[in-house]
Amino acid sequence: MARRTQTSCPTACYPLPMREFLNDWWRLLKLIVASLAIPVILWGLLVWTGVLR
């Protein structure tokens, strides 16, 4: 029996190309935030532990 895949959610607010565009920007935003947050968190931990002043 062939398995059907659902290409869009049943209550989609946007047409499929628009949702893909927003999904790409959301993934890019998460990448940028993570790449900035990780060094800041590490720096904060080093300052808190007294390794850095």
Protein backbone atom coordinates (compact mmCIF):
# COMPACT_ATOMS: atom_id res chain seq x y z
CA MET A 1 0.00 0.00 0.00
CA ALA A 2 1.40 3.38 -0.99
CA ARG A 3 1.92 5.84 1.80
CA ARG A 4 0.63 9.35 1.20
CA THR A 5 2.69 12.25 2.44
CA GLN A 6 1.04 15.47 3.40
CA THR A 7 2.73 18.44 1.71
CA SER A 8 1.01 21.15 3.72
CA CYS A 9 -0.83 21.38 6.99
CA PRO A 10 -4.61 21.47 6.65
CA THR A 11 -4.95 24.93 8.23
CA ALA A 12 -2.08 26.68 6.44
CA CYS A 13 -2.23 30.46 6.60
CA TYR A 14 0.19 30.94 3.74
CA PRO A 15 0.56 29.29 0.36
CA LEU A 16 3.34 26.72 0.21
CA PRO A 17 6.09 28.95 -1.36
CA MET A 18 5.52 31.64 1.26
CA ARG A 19 5.74 29.12 4.10
CA GLU A 20 9.00 27.75 2.67
CA PHE A 21 10.36 31.31 2.51
CA LEU A 22 9.43 31.94 6.15
CA ASN A 23 10.86 28.57 7.17
CA ASP A 24 14.19 29.41 5.49
CA TRP A 25 14.38 32.80 7.22
CA TRP A 26 13.44 31.23 10.58
CA ARG A 27 16.23 28.66 10.22
CA LEU A 28 18.71 31.40 9.26
CA LEU A 29 17.65 33.52 12.24
CA LYS A 30 18.11 30.58 14.63
CA LEU A 31 21.57 29.92 13.18
CA ILE A 32 22.62 33.56 13.64
CA VAL A 33 21.25 33.73 17.20
CA ALA A 34 22.94 30.45 18.16
CA SER A 35 26.26 31.50 16.65
CA LEU A 36 26.16 34.73 18.67
CA ALA A 37 24.76 33.27 21.90
CA ILE A 38 27.21 30.38 22.35
CA PRO A 39 30.35 32.56 22.65
CA VAL A 40 28.52 35.00 24.94
CA ILE A 41 27.40 32.16 27.23
CA LEU A 42 30.90 30.70 27.30
CA TRP A 43 32.38 34.12 28.09
CA GLY A 44 29.83 34.58 30.89
CA LEU A 45 30.70 31.21 32.38
CA LEU A 46 34.42 32.03 32.29
CA VAL A 47 33.83 35.40 33.96
CA TRP A 48 31.54 33.80 36.57
CA THR A 49 34.08 31.11 37.43
CA GLY A 50 36.87 33.70 37.72
CA VAL A 51 38.97 32.57 34.77
CA LEU A 52 38.44 35.95 33.08
CA ARG A 53 37.99 39.33 34.70
